[in-house]
Amino acid sequence: MTHITISNGQITAKTLCQPTSLTDQRHRQLANEGHFPPPKLGLYQFEATVHGLLRYYRNKNNKTKASISDERFKKLRAERKLVELDLEKSTDKVLDADEVKSEWLNIILIARQKFLGLENKISTRLAFNDEQRVGLRKEIEETLTELGKPMLYDRSKK
């Protein structure tokens, strides 16, 4: 056990380092942060320094507990959201994005094929000449190209 020497209510920097396991530089940083008075001529005010160190460690401990509590709260919130999402999926209130995307791709491919087939149907029924047929094909392809361009939606309006 370490024996601490206190003289006139003061303790040397070296003596203070033994029970705290901190360096004198760290003690000075804590003093500069206002936890306790800074040393004068290498001597710390014993009582004020001990009280300051205890307050510092208590605050540090409380912050750690608060941080852990916040993390637990975030975890619980995330778990609740997952359960709610599963419930909504089971009642068909929410759809899987990949499945929706796959279905829409199929619909788009079918629509594209139908549009491209229009040229032959219309030009045959209306007895188009080659120039008219090429013009119709060009209009259909331009329309499909325009529809194929990505549309930017404002997602902030949800």
N, C-alpha and C. Protein backbone atom coordinates (compact mmCIF):
# COMPACT_ATOMS: atom_id res chain seq x y z
N MET A 1 0.84 -1.17 0.00
CA MET A 1 0.00 0.00 0.00
C MET A 1 0.89 1.23 0.00
N THR A 2 0.49 2.22 -0.81
CA THR A 2 1.26 3.44 -0.95
C THR A 2 0.91 4.41 0.16
N HIS A 3 1.94 5.01 0.72
CA HIS A 3 1.75 6.01 1.76
C HIS A 3 1.80 7.38 1.10
N ILE A 4 0.78 8.22 1.36
CA ILE A 4 0.69 9.54 0.76
C ILE A 4 1.06 10.58 1.80
N THR A 5 2.02 11.42 1.41
CA THR A 5 2.45 12.48 2.32
C THR A 5 1.78 13.79 1.92
N ILE A 6 1.11 14.40 2.93
CA ILE A 6 0.44 15.67 2.71
C ILE A 6 1.06 16.66 3.67
N SER A 7 1.46 17.81 3.16
CA SER A 7 2.07 18.82 3.99
C SER A 7 1.34 20.13 3.77
N ASN A 8 0.82 20.72 4.84
CA ASN A 8 0.09 22.00 4.78
C ASN A 8 -1.07 21.93 3.78
N GLY A 9 -1.74 20.77 3.70
CA GLY A 9 -2.88 20.61 2.80
C GLY A 9 -2.48 20.53 1.35
N GLN A 10 -1.20 20.26 1.08
CA GLN A 10 -0.72 20.18 -0.30
C GLN A 10 -0.04 18.84 -0.53
N ILE A 11 -0.01 18.44 -1.80
CA ILE A 11 0.59 17.16 -2.18
C ILE A 11 1.47 17.41 -3.40
N THR A 12 2.61 16.74 -3.44
CA THR A 12 3.51 16.93 -4.58
C THR A 12 2.95 16.24 -5.81
N ALA A 13 3.40 16.71 -6.96
CA ALA A 13 2.95 16.13 -8.23
C ALA A 13 3.32 14.65 -8.28
N LYS A 14 4.52 14.31 -7.85
CA LYS A 14 4.99 12.92 -7.89
C LYS A 14 4.13 12.04 -6.98
N THR A 15 3.81 12.55 -5.80
CA THR A 15 3.00 11.78 -4.85
C THR A 15 1.58 11.59 -5.39
N LEU A 16 1.03 12.61 -6.04
CA LEU A 16 -0.32 12.52 -6.59
C LEU A 16 -0.39 11.49 -7.72
N CYS A 17 0.67 11.33 -8.47
CA CYS A 17 0.68 10.40 -9.59
C CYS A 17 0.57 8.94 -9.12
N GLN A 18 1.06 8.64 -7.95
CA GLN A 18 1.06 7.25 -7.49
C GLN A 18 -0.36 6.68 -7.33
N PRO A 19 -1.24 7.28 -6.55
CA PRO A 19 -2.56 6.66 -6.37
C PRO A 19 -3.49 6.83 -7.57
N THR A 20 -3.27 7.86 -8.38
CA THR A 20 -4.18 8.10 -9.51
C THR A 20 -3.77 7.34 -10.76
N SER A 21 -2.53 6.91 -10.82
CA SER A 21 -1.96 6.24 -12.01
C SER A 21 -2.02 7.14 -13.24
N LEU A 22 -2.07 8.45 -13.01
CA LEU A 22 -2.03 9.42 -14.10
C LEU A 22 -0.70 10.14 -14.06
N THR A 23 -0.32 10.69 -15.20
CA THR A 23 0.93 11.46 -15.23
C THR A 23 0.66 12.87 -14.72
N ASP A 24 1.73 13.57 -14.38
CA ASP A 24 1.57 14.96 -13.95
C ASP A 24 1.02 15.80 -15.10
N GLN A 25 1.41 15.47 -16.32
CA GLN A 25 0.89 16.19 -17.47
C GLN A 25 -0.63 16.05 -17.55
N ARG A 26 -1.14 14.84 -17.29
CA ARG A 26 -2.61 14.64 -17.33
C ARG A 26 -3.27 15.39 -16.18
N HIS A 27 -2.66 15.40 -15.02
CA HIS A 27 -3.20 16.17 -13.89
C HIS A 27 -3.30 17.64 -14.27
N ARG A 28 -2.27 18.15 -14.92
CA ARG A 28 -2.27 19.56 -15.31
C ARG A 28 -3.37 19.84 -16.36
N GLN A 29 -3.57 18.88 -17.27
CA GLN A 29 -4.66 19.04 -18.25
C GLN A 29 -6.01 19.12 -17.54
N LEU A 30 -6.22 18.22 -16.59
CA LEU A 30 -7.48 18.22 -15.84
C LEU A 30 -7.65 19.52 -15.06
N ALA A 31 -6.55 20.02 -14.51
CA ALA A 31 -6.61 21.29 -13.79
C ALA A 31 -6.95 22.43 -14.75
N ASN A 32 -6.34 22.42 -15.93
CA ASN A 32 -6.64 23.45 -16.94
C ASN A 32 -8.08 23.37 -17.44
N GLU A 33 -8.66 22.18 -17.39
CA GLU A 33 -10.06 22.00 -17.77
C GLU A 33 -11.00 22.47 -16.67
N GLY A 34 -10.44 22.81 -15.51
CA GLY A 34 -11.24 23.37 -14.43
C GLY A 34 -11.74 22.37 -13.41
N HIS A 35 -11.21 21.16 -13.42
CA HIS A 35 -11.66 20.15 -12.46
C HIS A 35 -11.14 20.42 -11.05
N PHE A 36 -9.98 21.03 -10.97
CA PHE A 36 -9.40 21.41 -9.68
C PHE A 36 -8.34 22.48 -9.94
N PRO A 37 -7.90 23.17 -8.90
CA PRO A 37 -6.91 24.25 -9.10
C PRO A 37 -5.58 23.72 -9.62
N PRO A 38 -4.91 24.45 -10.49
CA PRO A 38 -3.61 24.01 -11.00
C PRO A 38 -2.55 24.06 -9.88
N PRO A 39 -1.48 23.30 -10.07
CA PRO A 39 -0.44 23.28 -9.04
C PRO A 39 0.33 24.60 -9.00
N LYS A 40 0.82 24.88 -7.84
CA LYS A 40 1.71 26.03 -7.67
C LYS A 40 3.03 25.50 -7.16
N LEU A 41 4.07 25.77 -7.94
CA LEU A 41 5.42 25.30 -7.61
C LEU A 41 5.44 23.78 -7.43
N GLY A 42 4.67 23.07 -8.27
CA GLY A 42 4.65 21.60 -8.24
C GLY A 42 3.82 21.01 -7.13
N LEU A 43 3.06 21.83 -6.41
CA LEU A 43 2.23 21.34 -5.31
C LEU A 43 0.75 21.56 -5.62
N TYR A 44 -0.03 20.51 -5.41
CA TYR A 44 -1.47 20.57 -5.62
C TYR A 44 -2.17 20.75 -4.28
N GLN A 45 -3.30 21.45 -4.29
CA GLN A 45 -4.13 21.54 -3.09
C GLN A 45 -4.81 20.18 -2.92
N PHE A 46 -4.46 19.49 -1.87
CA PHE A 46 -4.89 18.10 -1.71
C PHE A 46 -6.41 17.94 -1.76
N GLU A 47 -7.13 18.61 -0.90
CA GLU A 47 -8.57 18.39 -0.79
C GLU A 47 -9.29 18.79 -2.08
N ALA A 48 -8.99 19.95 -2.62
CA ALA A 48 -9.64 20.41 -3.85
C ALA A 48 -9.32 19.48 -5.02
N THR A 49 -8.08 18.99 -5.05
CA THR A 49 -7.67 18.10 -6.14
C THR A 49 -8.39 16.77 -6.05
N VAL A 50 -8.47 16.19 -4.86
CA VAL A 50 -9.16 14.91 -4.68
C VAL A 50 -10.64 15.05 -5.04
N HIS A 51 -11.27 16.13 -4.53
CA HIS A 51 -12.68 16.35 -4.87
C HIS A 51 -12.86 16.52 -6.38
N GLY A 52 -11.96 17.26 -7.01
CA GLY A 52 -12.03 17.47 -8.45
C GLY A 52 -11.86 16.18 -9.23
N LEU A 53 -10.90 15.35 -8.81
CA LEU A 53 -10.69 14.07 -9.47
C LEU A 53 -11.91 13.17 -9.32
N LEU A 54 -12.48 13.14 -8.12
CA LEU A 54 -13.67 12.31 -7.91
C LEU A 54 -14.83 12.79 -8.80
N ARG A 55 -15.03 14.11 -8.88
CA ARG A 55 -16.07 14.66 -9.74
C ARG A 55 -15.81 14.29 -11.21
N TYR A 56 -14.56 14.42 -11.61
CA TYR A 56 -14.18 14.09 -12.99
C TYR A 56 -14.53 12.63 -13.31
N TYR A 57 -14.12 11.71 -12.43
CA TYR A 57 -14.39 10.29 -12.67
C TYR A 57 -15.88 9.98 -12.61
N ARG A 58 -16.61 10.63 -11.72
CA ARG A 58 -18.05 10.42 -11.61
C ARG A 58 -18.73 10.87 -12.91
N ASN A 59 -18.35 12.05 -13.40
CA ASN A 59 -18.92 12.55 -14.66
C ASN A 59 -18.58 11.65 -15.83
N LYS A 60 -17.34 11.20 -15.84
CA LYS A 60 -16.89 10.31 -16.92
C LYS A 60 -17.69 9.00 -16.89
N ASN A 61 -17.90 8.47 -15.70
CA ASN A 61 -18.68 7.24 -15.53
C ASN A 61 -20.12 7.45 -15.97
N ASN A 62 -20.71 8.60 -15.60
CA ASN A 62 -22.09 8.88 -15.98
C ASN A 62 -22.22 9.01 -17.50
N LYS A 63 -21.23 9.63 -18.14
CA LYS A 63 -21.27 9.77 -19.59
C LYS A 63 -21.18 8.40 -20.26
N THR A 64 -20.35 7.52 -19.72
CA THR A 64 -20.22 6.18 -20.26
C THR A 64 -21.54 5.44 -20.13
N LYS A 65 -22.16 5.56 -18.94
CA LYS A 65 -23.45 4.90 -18.73
C LYS A 65 -24.49 5.46 -19.68
N ALA A 66 -24.51 6.78 -19.87
CA ALA A 66 -25.46 7.41 -20.77
C ALA A 66 -25.24 6.94 -22.20
N SER A 67 -23.97 6.82 -22.59
CA SER A 67 -23.64 6.37 -23.93
C SER A 67 -24.14 4.93 -24.15
N ILE A 68 -23.91 4.07 -23.17
CA ILE A 68 -24.37 2.69 -23.26
C ILE A 68 -25.90 2.65 -23.29
N SER A 69 -26.52 3.49 -22.48
CA SER A 69 -27.98 3.56 -22.47
C SER A 69 -28.52 4.02 -23.82
N ASP A 70 -27.87 5.03 -24.41
CA ASP A 70 -28.29 5.50 -25.73
C ASP A 70 -28.16 4.40 -26.77
N GLU A 71 -27.06 3.65 -26.72
CA GLU A 71 -26.85 2.56 -27.67
C GLU A 71 -27.92 1.48 -27.50
N ARG A 72 -28.24 1.15 -26.26
CA ARG A 72 -29.30 0.16 -26.02
C ARG A 72 -30.63 0.65 -26.57
N PHE A 73 -30.90 1.94 -26.36
CA PHE A 73 -32.15 2.53 -26.85
C PHE A 73 -32.20 2.46 -28.38
N LYS A 74 -31.09 2.80 -29.04
CA LYS A 74 -31.04 2.74 -30.50
C LYS A 74 -31.24 1.31 -30.99
N LYS A 75 -30.63 0.36 -30.28
CA LYS A 75 -30.77 -1.05 -30.66
C LYS A 75 -32.22 -1.49 -30.52
N LEU A 76 -32.85 -1.13 -29.41
CA LEU A 76 -34.25 -1.50 -29.19
C LEU A 76 -35.15 -0.87 -30.26
N ARG A 77 -34.89 0.39 -30.60
CA ARG A 77 -35.68 1.07 -31.63
C ARG A 77 -35.54 0.37 -32.97
N ALA A 78 -34.30 -0.01 -33.31
CA ALA A 78 -34.06 -0.70 -34.58
C ALA A 78 -34.76 -2.06 -34.60
N GLU A 79 -34.68 -2.78 -33.48
CA GLU A 79 -35.35 -4.08 -33.39
C GLU A 79 -36.86 -3.92 -33.53
N ARG A 80 -37.43 -2.87 -32.90
CA ARG A 80 -38.86 -2.61 -33.01
C ARG A 80 -39.25 -2.32 -34.45
N LYS A 81 -38.43 -1.52 -35.14
CA LYS A 81 -38.72 -1.21 -36.54
C LYS A 81 -38.71 -2.46 -37.41
N LEU A 82 -37.75 -3.36 -37.14
CA LEU A 82 -37.69 -4.62 -37.90
C LEU A 82 -38.93 -5.46 -37.66
N VAL A 83 -39.38 -5.54 -36.41
CA VAL A 83 -40.58 -6.30 -36.09
C VAL A 83 -41.80 -5.68 -36.78
N GLU A 84 -41.89 -4.34 -36.74
CA GLU A 84 -43.00 -3.66 -37.41
C GLU A 84 -42.96 -3.90 -38.91
N LEU A 85 -41.77 -3.87 -39.50
CA LEU A 85 -41.63 -4.12 -40.93
C LEU A 85 -42.06 -5.54 -41.27
N ASP A 86 -41.64 -6.52 -40.46
CA ASP A 86 -42.05 -7.90 -40.69
C ASP A 86 -43.57 -8.04 -40.61
N LEU A 87 -44.18 -7.35 -39.64
CA LEU A 87 -45.63 -7.39 -39.50
C LEU A 87 -46.30 -6.79 -40.73
N GLU A 88 -45.79 -5.66 -41.20
CA GLU A 88 -46.37 -5.03 -42.38
C GLU A 88 -46.19 -5.90 -43.62
N LYS A 89 -45.06 -6.60 -43.71
CA LYS A 89 -44.84 -7.52 -44.83
C LYS A 89 -45.85 -8.66 -44.78
N SER A 90 -46.08 -9.18 -43.57
CA SER A 90 -46.99 -10.31 -43.44
C SER A 90 -48.43 -9.93 -43.74
N THR A 91 -48.78 -8.66 -43.63
CA THR A 91 -50.14 -8.20 -43.94
C THR A 91 -50.20 -7.52 -45.30
N ASP A 92 -49.14 -7.69 -46.11
CA ASP A 92 -49.06 -7.13 -47.47
C ASP A 92 -49.21 -5.61 -47.51
N LYS A 93 -48.82 -4.92 -46.45
CA LYS A 93 -48.83 -3.46 -46.46
C LYS A 93 -47.51 -2.92 -47.00
N VAL A 94 -46.49 -3.78 -47.03
CA VAL A 94 -45.17 -3.40 -47.52
C VAL A 94 -44.72 -4.48 -48.50
N LEU A 95 -44.09 -4.04 -49.58
CA LEU A 95 -43.59 -4.98 -50.58
C LEU A 95 -42.07 -4.96 -50.59
N ASP A 96 -41.49 -6.09 -50.98
CA ASP A 96 -40.05 -6.20 -51.11
C ASP A 96 -39.60 -5.41 -52.33
N ALA A 97 -38.66 -4.50 -52.16
CA ALA A 97 -38.21 -3.62 -53.24
C ALA A 97 -37.65 -4.41 -54.42
N ASP A 98 -36.89 -5.47 -54.18
CA ASP A 98 -36.33 -6.25 -55.28
C ASP A 98 -37.42 -6.95 -56.09
N GLU A 99 -38.45 -7.44 -55.39
CA GLU A 99 -39.56 -8.09 -56.09
C GLU A 99 -40.33 -7.08 -56.94
N VAL A 100 -40.56 -5.89 -56.39
CA VAL A 100 -41.27 -4.84 -57.14
C VAL A 100 -40.45 -4.45 -58.36
N LYS A 101 -39.16 -4.28 -58.19
CA LYS A 101 -38.28 -3.91 -59.31
C LYS A 101 -38.32 -4.97 -60.40
N SER A 102 -38.26 -6.23 -60.00
CA SER A 102 -38.28 -7.33 -60.96
C SER A 102 -39.60 -7.34 -61.74
N GLU A 103 -40.71 -7.16 -61.04
CA GLU A 103 -42.02 -7.13 -61.71
C GLU A 103 -42.11 -5.97 -62.69
N TRP A 104 -41.63 -4.80 -62.29
CA TRP A 104 -41.69 -3.64 -63.18
C TRP A 104 -40.80 -3.83 -64.40
N LEU A 105 -39.65 -4.46 -64.22
CA LEU A 105 -38.79 -4.73 -65.37
C LEU A 105 -39.50 -5.62 -66.38
N ASN A 106 -40.22 -6.62 -65.87
CA ASN A 106 -40.99 -7.50 -66.77
C ASN A 106 -42.08 -6.73 -67.50
N ILE A 107 -42.79 -5.87 -66.77
CA ILE A 107 -43.86 -5.06 -67.38
C ILE A 107 -43.27 -4.14 -68.45
N ILE A 108 -42.15 -3.53 -68.16
CA ILE A 108 -41.52 -2.61 -69.10
C ILE A 108 -41.06 -3.35 -70.36
N LEU A 109 -40.48 -4.53 -70.19
CA LEU A 109 -40.04 -5.30 -71.36
C LEU A 109 -41.22 -5.68 -72.25
N ILE A 110 -42.31 -6.09 -71.63
CA ILE A 110 -43.50 -6.46 -72.41
C ILE A 110 -44.05 -5.23 -73.14
N ALA A 111 -44.12 -4.09 -72.44
CA ALA A 111 -44.61 -2.86 -73.07
C ALA A 111 -43.72 -2.46 -74.24
N ARG A 112 -42.40 -2.58 -74.07
CA ARG A 112 -41.47 -2.23 -75.15
C ARG A 112 -41.70 -3.11 -76.38
N GLN A 113 -41.87 -4.41 -76.15
CA GLN A 113 -42.10 -5.33 -77.25
C GLN A 113 -43.41 -4.99 -77.98
N LYS A 114 -44.42 -4.64 -77.20
CA LYS A 114 -45.71 -4.28 -77.79
C LYS A 114 -45.59 -3.01 -78.64
N PHE A 115 -44.88 -2.02 -78.13
CA PHE A 115 -44.69 -0.78 -78.90
C PHE A 115 -43.93 -1.04 -80.19
N LEU A 116 -42.87 -1.85 -80.09
CA LEU A 116 -42.10 -2.15 -81.30
C LEU A 116 -42.94 -2.95 -82.30
N GLY A 117 -43.85 -3.74 -81.82
CA GLY A 117 -44.74 -4.51 -82.72
C GLY A 117 -45.80 -3.64 -83.38
N LEU A 118 -46.04 -2.45 -82.85
CA LEU A 118 -47.04 -1.56 -83.43
C LEU A 118 -46.69 -1.16 -84.87
N GLU A 119 -45.43 -0.96 -85.12
CA GLU A 119 -45.01 -0.53 -86.47
C GLU A 119 -45.53 -1.50 -87.53
N ASN A 120 -45.33 -2.77 -87.29
CA ASN A 120 -45.74 -3.78 -88.27
C ASN A 120 -47.26 -3.82 -88.39
N LYS A 121 -47.98 -3.79 -87.26
CA LYS A 121 -49.45 -3.87 -87.30
C LYS A 121 -50.05 -2.66 -88.00
N ILE A 122 -49.61 -1.47 -87.60
CA ILE A 122 -50.19 -0.25 -88.15
C ILE A 122 -49.83 -0.09 -89.62
N SER A 123 -48.55 -0.30 -89.96
CA SER A 123 -48.12 -0.08 -91.35
C SER A 123 -48.77 -1.08 -92.30
N THR A 124 -49.04 -2.28 -91.82
CA THR A 124 -49.69 -3.28 -92.66
C THR A 124 -51.16 -2.91 -92.86
N ARG A 125 -51.87 -2.56 -91.79
CA ARG A 125 -53.30 -2.22 -91.87
C ARG A 125 -53.54 -0.96 -92.70
N LEU A 126 -52.63 -0.01 -92.58
CA LEU A 126 -52.83 1.27 -93.28
C LEU A 126 -52.06 1.35 -94.58
N ALA A 127 -51.45 0.25 -94.97
CA ALA A 127 -50.71 0.15 -96.23
C ALA A 127 -49.66 1.26 -96.37
N PHE A 128 -48.82 1.37 -95.36
CA PHE A 128 -47.74 2.38 -95.38
C PHE A 128 -46.70 1.99 -96.40
N ASN A 129 -46.11 2.99 -97.02
CA ASN A 129 -44.96 2.73 -97.88
C ASN A 129 -43.72 2.64 -96.99
N ASP A 130 -42.57 2.35 -97.60
CA ASP A 130 -41.34 2.16 -96.81
C ASP A 130 -40.96 3.41 -96.03
N GLU A 131 -41.14 4.58 -96.63
CA GLU A 131 -40.79 5.82 -95.95
C GLU A 131 -41.68 6.06 -94.72
N GLN A 132 -42.97 5.79 -94.87
CA GLN A 132 -43.88 5.94 -93.74
C GLN A 132 -43.57 4.92 -92.63
N ARG A 133 -43.26 3.74 -93.07
CA ARG A 133 -42.93 2.66 -92.12
C ARG A 133 -41.68 3.04 -91.31
N VAL A 134 -40.64 3.54 -91.98
CA VAL A 134 -39.40 3.96 -91.32
C VAL A 134 -39.68 5.13 -90.37
N GLY A 135 -40.53 6.06 -90.79
CA GLY A 135 -40.89 7.20 -89.96
C GLY A 135 -41.61 6.78 -88.69
N LEU A 136 -42.54 5.82 -88.83
CA LEU A 136 -43.27 5.31 -87.68
C LEU A 136 -42.31 4.60 -86.71
N ARG A 137 -41.43 3.79 -87.30
CA ARG A 137 -40.45 3.06 -86.48
C ARG A 137 -39.57 4.05 -85.71
N LYS A 138 -39.16 5.10 -86.40
CA LYS A 138 -38.30 6.12 -85.78
C LYS A 138 -39.04 6.80 -84.62
N GLU A 139 -40.31 7.15 -84.80
CA GLU A 139 -41.10 7.79 -83.74
C GLU A 139 -41.25 6.87 -82.53
N ILE A 140 -41.52 5.60 -82.80
CA ILE A 140 -41.69 4.64 -81.70
C ILE A 140 -40.38 4.50 -80.92
N GLU A 141 -39.25 4.37 -81.64
CA GLU A 141 -37.96 4.21 -80.98
C GLU A 141 -37.57 5.46 -80.19
N GLU A 142 -37.86 6.65 -80.74
CA GLU A 142 -37.56 7.88 -80.02
C GLU A 142 -38.39 7.98 -78.74
N THR A 143 -39.65 7.57 -78.83
CA THR A 143 -40.52 7.59 -77.65
C THR A 143 -40.00 6.61 -76.60
N LEU A 144 -39.63 5.42 -77.03
CA LEU A 144 -39.09 4.43 -76.07
C LEU A 144 -37.78 4.91 -75.47
N THR A 145 -36.94 5.55 -76.26
CA THR A 145 -35.68 6.09 -75.75
C THR A 145 -35.96 7.16 -74.69
N GLU A 146 -36.91 8.03 -75.00
CA GLU A 146 -37.27 9.09 -74.04
C GLU A 146 -37.81 8.49 -72.74
N LEU A 147 -38.66 7.48 -72.88
CA LEU A 147 -39.22 6.83 -71.68
C LEU A 147 -38.14 6.07 -70.90
N GLY A 148 -37.07 5.66 -71.58
CA GLY A 148 -36.00 4.91 -70.93
C GLY A 148 -35.01 5.77 -70.16
N LYS A 149 -35.12 7.11 -70.32
CA LYS A 149 -34.21 7.99 -69.60
C LYS A 149 -34.57 8.00 -68.12
N PRO A 150 -33.54 8.05 -67.26
CA PRO A 150 -33.83 8.05 -65.81
C PRO A 150 -34.57 9.33 -65.41
N MET A 151 -35.56 9.14 -64.57
CA MET A 151 -36.32 10.28 -64.04
C MET A 151 -35.86 10.51 -62.62
N LEU A 152 -35.57 11.74 -62.27
CA LEU A 152 -35.16 12.07 -60.91
C LEU A 152 -36.39 12.52 -60.13
N TYR A 153 -36.66 11.80 -59.08
CA TYR A 153 -37.81 12.12 -58.24
C TYR A 153 -37.32 12.79 -56.98
N ASP A 154 -38.07 13.73 -56.48
CA ASP A 154 -37.72 14.42 -55.24
C ASP A 154 -38.17 13.55 -54.08
N ARG A 155 -37.21 12.85 -53.46
CA ARG A 155 -37.54 11.93 -52.37
C ARG A 155 -37.84 12.66 -51.06
N SER A 156 -37.58 13.96 -51.02
CA SER A 156 -37.83 14.71 -49.78
C SER A 156 -39.32 14.98 -49.57
N LYS A 157 -40.15 14.73 -50.58
CA LYS A 157 -41.59 14.99 -50.48
C LYS A 157 -42.36 13.77 -49.98
N LYS A 158 -41.72 12.93 -49.21
CA LYS A 158 -42.39 11.72 -48.70
C LYS A 158 -43.29 12.05 -47.56
